[in-house]
Amino acid sequence: MRGLILFGIIAFLLTTFLFVLQFFGKTPLGVYMGLAKDFIFTPKGKVESYMDRTNILILGKGGEGHEAPDLTDTIMFVSVNHSNSDISIISLPRDIWITELRTKLNSVYYWGNKKQPPVRRTSGPEEAGGGIIMAKSTVEEFVGQPVHYGLVLDFSGFKKIIDILEGIEVDVENSFTDERYPIAGRENDLCEGDPEYRCRYETLRFAQGKQMMDGDTALKFVRSRNAQGDEGTDIARARHQQENY
């Protein structure tokens, strides 16, 4: 009985999705829905893969309104096994020095876009520039595997995705406290003469165990870098990002 109910719900949602897609046609909403349709209904044989694995590069950047908006301080190589749906994640340190390019790994996307800027459109997604191409190629050299797809998320997009999902459940491995998480818009606040500029920061506290996070909380969880003890290291920060994704 439960199986029939689930099947009915899925059938209803797919039918509604296709109807709305046809109705909106070539409007901006229709363009995005068309991309979603291509992803949902793409036959397995058309998905790029190597040795039955599809590899994806996920880059996280600050985006507009943030200092160094195109530096990708989050760099994750995600590999999906088609045979058992297992997902492997490797977080690459942002400060890896790329000798050939004379820059750090987190700057590769920025310099690639400088050489070949993205094409922004009035409707639909922009055409990717050289940044994602160069980043994929560079990461391929490190992991020894082809990178089939690339995804770039800024802070705003990251929060929107999670809020659309009405939050996500994150299993926090270790509790931690970060007393120096920067407050947006207060970067230059003089804090009425406070020599430690404490008004520029807020205190974050995350307890061990499973918990629901909205977009804003999840972003703070993955960005925190000043926690006490081992949880304030880059290794811990990379683990937080993996726990979230």
C-alpha atoms as a PDB file:
ATOM      1  CA  MET A   1       0.000   0.000   0.000  1.00  0.00           C
ATOM      2  CA  ARG A   2       2.796   2.418   0.918  1.00  0.00           C
ATOM      3  CA  GLY A   3       4.503   1.612  -2.384  1.00  0.00           C
ATOM      4  CA  LEU A   4       1.367   2.523  -4.342  1.00  0.00           C
ATOM      5  CA  ILE A   5       0.991   5.790  -2.438  1.00  0.00           C
ATOM      6  CA  LEU A   6       4.644   6.687  -3.058  1.00  0.00           C
ATOM      7  CA  PHE A   7       4.320   5.825  -6.745  1.00  0.00           C
ATOM      8  CA  GLY A   8       1.220   8.001  -7.000  1.00  0.00           C
ATOM      9  CA  ILE A   9       2.969  10.960  -5.387  1.00  0.00           C
ATOM     10  CA  ILE A  10       5.977  10.657  -7.703  1.00  0.00           C
ATOM     11  CA  ALA A  11       3.754  10.331 -10.774  1.00  0.00           C
ATOM     12  CA  PHE A  12       1.772  13.414  -9.736  1.00  0.00           C
ATOM     13  CA  LEU A  13       4.902  15.499  -9.173  1.00  0.00           C
ATOM     14  CA  LEU A  14       6.463  14.518 -12.490  1.00  0.00           C
ATOM     15  CA  THR A  15       3.229  15.199 -14.388  1.00  0.00           C
ATOM     16  CA  THR A  16       2.908  18.613 -12.737  1.00  0.00           C
ATOM     17  CA  PHE A  17       6.555  19.401 -13.493  1.00  0.00           C
ATOM     18  CA  LEU A  18       6.164  18.598 -17.201  1.00  0.00           C
ATOM     19  CA  PHE A  19       2.906  20.575 -17.441  1.00  0.00           C
ATOM     20  CA  VAL A  20       4.450  23.682 -15.873  1.00  0.00           C
ATOM     21  CA  LEU A  21       7.539  23.339 -18.072  1.00  0.00           C
ATOM     22  CA  GLN A  22       5.378  23.294 -21.208  1.00  0.00           C
ATOM     23  CA  PHE A  23       3.268  26.229 -19.984  1.00  0.00           C
ATOM     24  CA  PHE A  24       6.198  28.554 -19.239  1.00  0.00           C
ATOM     25  CA  GLY A  25       8.020  27.698 -22.440  1.00  0.00           C
ATOM     26  CA  LYS A  26      11.055  29.881 -23.068  1.00  0.00           C
ATOM     27  CA  THR A  27      10.636  32.271 -20.150  1.00  0.00           C
ATOM     28  CA  PRO A  28      13.591  32.490 -17.708  1.00  0.00           C
ATOM     29  CA  LEU A  29      11.785  30.083 -15.373  1.00  0.00           C
ATOM     30  CA  GLY A  30      11.243  27.709 -18.273  1.00  0.00           C
ATOM     31  CA  VAL A  31      14.944  27.742 -19.130  1.00  0.00           C
ATOM     32  CA  TYR A  32      15.921  26.671 -15.616  1.00  0.00           C
ATOM     33  CA  MET A  33      13.179  24.049 -15.494  1.00  0.00           C
ATOM     34  CA  GLY A  34      14.412  22.696 -18.804  1.00  0.00           C
ATOM     35  CA  LEU A  35      17.857  22.205 -17.300  1.00  0.00           C
ATOM     36  CA  ALA A  36      16.279  20.393 -14.351  1.00  0.00           C
ATOM     37  CA  LYS A  37      14.289  18.178 -16.739  1.00  0.00           C
ATOM     38  CA  ASP A  38      17.459  17.250 -18.638  1.00  0.00           C
ATOM     39  CA  PHE A  39      19.111  16.251 -15.364  1.00  0.00           C
ATOM     40  CA  ILE A  40      16.152  14.249 -14.019  1.00  0.00           C
ATOM     41  CA  PHE A  41      15.449  12.325 -17.212  1.00  0.00           C
ATOM     42  CA  THR A  42      18.986  11.888 -18.578  1.00  0.00           C
ATOM     43  CA  PRO A  43      19.600   8.186 -19.334  1.00  0.00           C
ATOM     44  CA  LYS A  44      22.512   6.732 -17.420  1.00  0.00           C
ATOM     45  CA  GLY A  45      24.340   6.083 -20.689  1.00  0.00           C
ATOM     46  CA  LYS A  46      24.442   9.812 -21.463  1.00  0.00           C
ATOM     47  CA  VAL A  47      26.010  10.805 -18.157  1.00  0.00           C
ATOM     48  CA  GLU A  48      29.768  11.206 -18.534  1.00  0.00           C
ATOM     49  CA  SER A  49      31.730   8.654 -16.554  1.00  0.00           C
ATOM     50  CA  TYR A  50      35.051   6.815 -16.292  1.00  0.00           C
ATOM     51  CA  MET A  51      35.270   3.232 -15.010  1.00  0.00           C
ATOM     52  CA  ASP A  52      31.638   3.485 -13.877  1.00  0.00           C
ATOM     53  CA  ARG A  53      32.281   6.647 -11.856  1.00  0.00           C
ATOM     54  CA  THR A  54      31.155  10.225 -12.476  1.00  0.00           C
ATOM     55  CA  ASN A  55      33.450  12.861 -11.009  1.00  0.00           C
ATOM     56  CA  ILE A  56      32.321  16.352 -10.026  1.00  0.00           C
ATOM     57  CA  LEU A  57      34.344  19.362  -8.897  1.00  0.00           C
ATOM     58  CA  ILE A  58      32.541  21.595  -6.378  1.00  0.00           C
ATOM     59  CA  LEU A  59      33.954  25.074  -5.816  1.00  0.00           C
ATOM     60  CA  GLY A  60      32.726  27.441  -3.114  1.00  0.00           C
ATOM     61  CA  LYS A  61      33.372  31.188  -3.336  1.00  0.00           C
ATOM     62  CA  GLY A  62      32.211  34.330  -1.542  1.00  0.00           C
ATOM     63  CA  GLY A  63      30.552  36.009  -4.508  1.00  0.00           C
ATOM     64  CA  GLU A  64      29.472  39.615  -4.947  1.00  0.00           C
ATOM     65  CA  GLY A  65      29.732  41.844  -1.902  1.00  0.00           C
ATOM     66  CA  HIS A  66      32.531  39.831  -0.314  1.00  0.00           C
ATOM     67  CA  GLU A  67      36.270  40.387  -0.163  1.00  0.00           C
ATOM     68  CA  ALA A  68      38.029  38.457  -2.965  1.00  0.00           C
ATOM     69  CA  PRO A  69      34.666  37.235  -4.363  1.00  0.00           C
ATOM     70  CA  ASP A  70      36.138  34.752  -6.871  1.00  0.00           C
ATOM     71  CA  LEU A  71      38.671  32.981  -4.669  1.00  0.00           C
ATOM     72  CA  THR A  72      37.442  29.410  -4.206  1.00  0.00           C
ATOM     73  CA  ASP A  73      38.295  28.562  -0.603  1.00  0.00           C
ATOM     74  CA  THR A  74      36.189  25.392  -0.825  1.00  0.00           C
ATOM     75  CA  ILE A  75      37.501  22.848  -3.338  1.00  0.00           C
ATOM     76  CA  MET A  76      35.919  19.403  -3.272  1.00  0.00           C
ATOM     77  CA  PHE A  77      36.364  16.453  -5.633  1.00  0.00           C
ATOM     78  CA  VAL A  78      33.234  14.274  -5.524  1.00  0.00           C
ATOM     79  CA  SER A  79      33.154  10.839  -7.162  1.00  0.00           C
ATOM     80  CA  VAL A  80      29.881   8.921  -7.601  1.00  0.00           C
ATOM     81  CA  ASN A  81      30.020   5.144  -8.101  1.00  0.00           C
ATOM     82  CA  HIS A  82      27.220   4.093 -10.474  1.00  0.00           C
ATOM     83  CA  SER A  83      27.276   0.451  -9.423  1.00  0.00           C
ATOM     84  CA  ASN A  84      26.447   1.009  -5.741  1.00  0.00           C
ATOM     85  CA  SER A  85      25.678   4.771  -5.475  1.00  0.00           C
ATOM     86  CA  ASP A  86      28.640   5.205  -3.115  1.00  0.00           C
ATOM     87  CA  ILE A  87      29.976   8.772  -2.941  1.00  0.00           C
ATOM     88  CA  SER A  88      33.623   9.580  -2.192  1.00  0.00           C
ATOM     89  CA  ILE A  89      34.710  13.128  -1.313  1.00  0.00           C
ATOM     90  CA  ILE A  90      38.217  14.599  -1.286  1.00  0.00           C
ATOM     91  CA  SER A  91      38.733  18.125   0.062  1.00  0.00           C
ATOM     92  CA  LEU A  92      41.743  19.827  -1.508  1.00  0.00           C
ATOM     93  CA  PRO A  93      43.641  22.439   0.578  1.00  0.00           C
ATOM     94  CA  ARG A  94      43.177  25.929  -0.861  1.00  0.00           C
ATOM     95  CA  ASP A  95      46.841  26.897  -0.302  1.00  0.00           C
ATOM     96  CA  ILE A  96      48.345  24.216  -2.561  1.00  0.00           C
ATOM     97  CA  TRP A  97      50.930  25.993  -4.720  1.00  0.00           C
ATOM     98  CA  ILE A  98      50.543  25.445  -8.471  1.00  0.00           C
ATOM     99  CA  THR A  99      54.068  25.850  -9.835  1.00  0.00           C
ATOM    100  CA  GLU A 100      53.069  25.987 -13.502  1.00  0.00           C
ATOM    101  CA  LEU A 101      50.532  28.767 -12.873  1.00  0.00           C
ATOM    102  CA  ARG A 102      52.524  30.523 -10.120  1.00  0.00           C
ATOM    103  CA  THR A 103      49.505  30.786  -7.884  1.00  0.00           C
ATOM    104  CA  LYS A 104      47.584  28.936  -5.176  1.00  0.00           C
ATOM    105  CA  LEU A 105      44.869  26.426  -5.975  1.00  0.00           C
ATOM    106  CA  ASN A 106      42.109  28.709  -4.697  1.00  0.00           C
ATOM    107  CA  SER A 107      43.133  31.384  -7.257  1.00  0.00           C
ATOM    108  CA  VAL A 108      42.971  29.164 -10.345  1.00  0.00           C
ATOM    109  CA  TYR A 109      39.255  29.814 -10.950  1.00  0.00           C
ATOM    110  CA  TYR A 110      39.807  33.581 -10.644  1.00  0.00           C
ATOM    111  CA  TRP A 111      42.694  33.700 -13.122  1.00  0.00           C
ATOM    112  CA  GLY A 112      40.908  31.416 -15.577  1.00  0.00           C
ATOM    113  CA  ASN A 113      37.946  33.796 -15.660  1.00  0.00           C
ATOM    114  CA  LYS A 114      40.305  36.743 -16.114  1.00  0.00           C
ATOM    115  CA  LYS A 115      41.668  35.085 -19.229  1.00  0.00           C
ATOM    116  CA  GLN A 116      38.238  34.022 -20.545  1.00  0.00           C
ATOM    117  CA  PRO A 117      35.367  35.827 -18.729  1.00  0.00           C
ATOM    118  CA  PRO A 118      31.943  34.142 -18.337  1.00  0.00           C
ATOM    119  CA  VAL A 119      29.190  35.326 -20.698  1.00  0.00           C
ATOM    120  CA  ARG A 120      26.296  36.765 -18.698  1.00  0.00           C
ATOM    121  CA  ARG A 121      22.815  36.485 -20.220  1.00  0.00           C
ATOM    122  CA  THR A 122      19.585  38.400 -19.659  1.00  0.00           C
ATOM    123  CA  SER A 123      17.765  35.097 -19.094  1.00  0.00           C
ATOM    124  CA  GLY A 124      18.905  31.650 -18.123  1.00  0.00           C
ATOM    125  CA  PRO A 125      22.312  30.608 -16.814  1.00  0.00           C
ATOM    126  CA  GLU A 126      25.522  32.330 -17.835  1.00  0.00           C
ATOM    127  CA  GLU A 127      27.992  30.612 -20.136  1.00  0.00           C
ATOM    128  CA  ALA A 128      30.940  29.347 -18.123  1.00  0.00           C
ATOM    129  CA  GLY A 129      34.257  31.108 -18.568  1.00  0.00           C
ATOM    130  CA  GLY A 130      37.795  29.807 -18.402  1.00  0.00           C
ATOM    131  CA  GLY A 131      37.776  29.583 -14.615  1.00  0.00           C
ATOM    132  CA  ILE A 132      35.918  26.300 -14.269  1.00  0.00           C
ATOM    133  CA  ILE A 133      37.805  24.828 -17.237  1.00  0.00           C
ATOM    134  CA  MET A 134      41.189  25.658 -15.714  1.00  0.00           C
ATOM    135  CA  ALA A 135      40.098  24.510 -12.251  1.00  0.00           C
ATOM    136  CA  LYS A 136      38.884  21.140 -13.580  1.00  0.00           C
ATOM    137  CA  SER A 137      42.118  20.620 -15.510  1.00  0.00           C
ATOM    138  CA  THR A 138      44.265  21.499 -12.484  1.00  0.00           C
ATOM    139  CA  VAL A 139      42.363  19.182 -10.132  1.00  0.00           C
ATOM    140  CA  GLU A 140      42.584  16.354 -12.680  1.00  0.00           C
ATOM    141  CA  GLU A 141      46.373  16.593 -12.392  1.00  0.00           C
ATOM    142  CA  PHE A 142      46.170  16.163  -8.616  1.00  0.00           C
ATOM    143  CA  VAL A 143      43.697  13.317  -8.336  1.00  0.00           C
ATOM    144  CA  GLY A 144      44.673  11.438 -11.489  1.00  0.00           C
ATOM    145  CA  GLN A 145      41.029  11.169 -12.524  1.00  0.00           C
ATOM    146  CA  PRO A 146      38.962  13.019 -15.137  1.00  0.00           C
ATOM    147  CA  VAL A 147      36.574  15.684 -13.838  1.00  0.00           C
ATOM    148  CA  HIS A 148      33.337  15.373 -15.805  1.00  0.00           C
ATOM    149  CA  TYR A 149      31.305  18.195 -14.304  1.00  0.00           C
ATOM    150  CA  GLY A 150      31.933  21.392 -12.358  1.00  0.00           C
ATOM    151  CA  LEU A 151      29.714  23.286  -9.928  1.00  0.00           C
ATOM    152  CA  VAL A 152      30.449  26.760  -8.542  1.00  0.00           C
ATOM    153  CA  LEU A 153      28.454  28.018  -5.553  1.00  0.00           C
ATOM    154  CA  ASP A 154      28.702  31.416  -3.892  1.00  0.00           C
ATOM    155  CA  PHE A 155      27.457  32.123  -0.369  1.00  0.00           C
ATOM    156  CA  SER A 156      24.076  33.350  -1.586  1.00  0.00           C
ATOM    157  CA  GLY A 157      23.441  30.348  -3.842  1.00  0.00           C
ATOM    158  CA  PHE A 158      24.542  27.933  -1.120  1.00  0.00           C
ATOM    159  CA  LYS A 159      22.011  29.366   1.342  1.00  0.00           C
ATOM    160  CA  LYS A 160      19.211  29.470  -1.227  1.00  0.00           C
ATOM    161  CA  ILE A 161      19.578  25.785  -2.128  1.00  0.00           C
ATOM    162  CA  ILE A 162      19.342  24.708   1.509  1.00  0.00           C
ATOM    163  CA  ASP A 163      16.417  27.022   2.251  1.00  0.00           C
ATOM    164  CA  ILE A 164      14.532  25.702  -0.793  1.00  0.00           C
ATOM    165  CA  LEU A 165      14.970  22.230   0.716  1.00  0.00           C
ATOM    166  CA  GLU A 166      13.579  23.654   3.990  1.00  0.00           C
ATOM    167  CA  GLY A 167      16.838  22.866   5.737  1.00  0.00           C
ATOM    168  CA  ILE A 168      19.165  19.873   5.853  1.00  0.00           C
ATOM    169  CA  GLU A 169      20.152  17.437   8.579  1.00  0.00           C
ATOM    170  CA  VAL A 170      23.848  17.562   9.435  1.00  0.00           C
ATOM    171  CA  ASP A 171      25.597  15.060  11.690  1.00  0.00           C
ATOM    172  CA  VAL A 172      28.174  17.166  13.554  1.00  0.00           C
ATOM    173  CA  GLU A 173      31.087  14.928  14.549  1.00  0.00           C
ATOM    174  CA  ASN A 174      32.540  17.152  17.278  1.00  0.00           C
ATOM    175  CA  SER A 175      31.031  20.056  19.183  1.00  0.00           C
ATOM    176  CA  PHE A 176      32.884  23.379  18.906  1.00  0.00           C
ATOM    177  CA  THR A 177      32.715  27.088  19.723  1.00  0.00           C
ATOM    178  CA  ASP A 178      33.952  29.872  17.442  1.00  0.00           C
ATOM    179  CA  GLU A 179      34.083  33.277  19.155  1.00  0.00           C
ATOM    180  CA  ARG A 180      35.378  35.166  16.114  1.00  0.00           C
ATOM    181  CA  TYR A 181      32.971  34.521  13.261  1.00  0.00           C
ATOM    182  CA  PRO A 182      32.887  37.733  11.149  1.00  0.00           C
ATOM    183  CA  ILE A 183      29.608  39.671  10.962  1.00  0.00           C
ATOM    184  CA  ALA A 184      28.832  40.845   7.425  1.00  0.00           C
ATOM    185  CA  GLY A 185      28.951  44.620   7.085  1.00  0.00           C
ATOM    186  CA  ARG A 186      31.034  45.218  10.204  1.00  0.00           C
ATOM    187  CA  GLU A 187      34.448  44.537   8.725  1.00  0.00           C
ATOM    188  CA  ASN A 188      35.575  48.152   9.314  1.00  0.00           C
ATOM    189  CA  ASP A 189      33.596  48.909  12.487  1.00  0.00           C
ATOM    190  CA  LEU A 190      35.786  50.702  15.044  1.00  0.00           C
ATOM    191  CA  CYS A 191      33.763  49.166  17.892  1.00  0.00           C
ATOM    192  CA  GLU A 192      33.872  52.411  19.925  1.00  0.00           C
ATOM    193  CA  GLY A 193      37.600  52.079  20.450  1.00  0.00           C
ATOM    194  CA  ASP A 194      37.644  48.419  21.519  1.00  0.00           C
ATOM    195  CA  PRO A 195      41.231  47.305  20.675  1.00  0.00           C
ATOM    196  CA  GLU A 196      40.044  43.729  20.066  1.00  0.00           C
ATOM    197  CA  TYR A 197      37.213  44.814  17.718  1.00  0.00           C
ATOM    198  CA  ARG A 198      34.830  42.365  19.360  1.00  0.00           C
ATOM    199  CA  CYS A 199      31.771  44.004  17.781  1.00  0.00           C
ATOM    200  CA  ARG A 200      32.918  42.681  14.398  1.00  0.00           C
ATOM    201  CA  TYR A 201      32.339  39.086  15.441  1.00  0.00           C
ATOM    202  CA  GLU A 202      29.639  36.789  16.742  1.00  0.00           C
ATOM    203  CA  THR A 203      29.995  33.565  18.703  1.00  0.00           C
ATOM    204  CA  LEU A 204      28.997  30.279  17.072  1.00  0.00           C
ATOM    205  CA  ARG A 205      28.235  27.113  19.027  1.00  0.00           C
ATOM    206  CA  PHE A 206      27.568  23.731  17.463  1.00  0.00           C
ATOM    207  CA  ALA A 207      26.728  20.660  19.538  1.00  0.00           C
ATOM    208  CA  GLN A 208      27.758  17.136  18.606  1.00  0.00           C
ATOM    209  CA  GLY A 209      25.137  15.023  16.840  1.00  0.00           C
ATOM    210  CA  LYS A 210      22.438  15.332  14.206  1.00  0.00           C
ATOM    211  CA  GLN A 211      20.671  18.654  13.825  1.00  0.00           C
ATOM    212  CA  MET A 212      18.661  20.600  11.276  1.00  0.00           C
ATOM    213  CA  MET A 213      20.283  23.652   9.701  1.00  0.00           C
ATOM    214  CA  ASP A 214      18.817  26.368   7.525  1.00  0.00           C
ATOM    215  CA  GLY A 215      20.908  28.047   4.839  1.00  0.00           C
ATOM    216  CA  ASP A 216      22.406  30.723   7.068  1.00  0.00           C
ATOM    217  CA  THR A 217      23.353  28.269   9.836  1.00  0.00           C
ATOM    218  CA  ALA A 218      24.836  25.769   7.371  1.00  0.00           C
ATOM    219  CA  LEU A 219      26.966  28.494   5.788  1.00  0.00           C
ATOM    220  CA  LYS A 220      28.327  29.490   9.193  1.00  0.00           C
ATOM    221  CA  PHE A 221      29.041  25.826   9.951  1.00  0.00           C
ATOM    222  CA  VAL A 222      31.146  25.308   6.813  1.00  0.00           C
ATOM    223  CA  ARG A 223      32.900  28.705   6.980  1.00  0.00           C
ATOM    224  CA  SER A 224      33.907  28.684  10.657  1.00  0.00           C
ATOM    225  CA  ARG A 225      37.692  28.754  11.000  1.00  0.00           C
ATOM    226  CA  ASN A 226      38.431  30.163  14.463  1.00  0.00           C
ATOM    227  CA  ALA A 227      37.056  27.459  16.735  1.00  0.00           C
ATOM    228  CA  GLN A 228      38.940  26.440  19.841  1.00  0.00           C
ATOM    229  CA  GLY A 229      41.329  23.481  19.672  1.00  0.00           C
ATOM    230  CA  ASP A 230      41.502  21.042  16.772  1.00  0.00           C
ATOM    231  CA  GLU A 231      38.135  22.159  15.408  1.00  0.00           C
ATOM    232  CA  GLY A 232      39.741  25.440  14.342  1.00  0.00           C
ATOM    233  CA  THR A 233      42.132  23.817  11.855  1.00  0.00           C
ATOM    234  CA  ASP A 234      41.762  23.718   8.074  1.00  0.00           C
ATOM    235  CA  ILE A 235      41.401  19.932   8.306  1.00  0.00           C
ATOM    236  CA  ALA A 236      38.403  20.291  10.636  1.00  0.00           C
ATOM    237  CA  ARG A 237      36.902  22.949   8.362  1.00  0.00           C
ATOM    238  CA  ALA A 238      37.176  20.598   5.388  1.00  0.00           C
ATOM    239  CA  ARG A 239      35.442  17.894   7.437  1.00  0.00           C
ATOM    240  CA  HIS A 240      32.609  20.292   8.298  1.00  0.00           C
ATOM    241  CA  GLN A 241      32.131  20.938   4.586  1.00  0.00           C
ATOM    242  CA  GLN A 242      32.022  17.216   3.843  1.00  0.00           C
ATOM    243  CA  GLU A 243      29.528  16.626   6.662  1.00  0.00           C
ATOM    244  CA  ASN A 244      27.353  19.330   5.141  1.00  0.00           C
ATOM    245  CA  TYR A 245      27.528  18.217   1.520  1.00  0.00           C
END
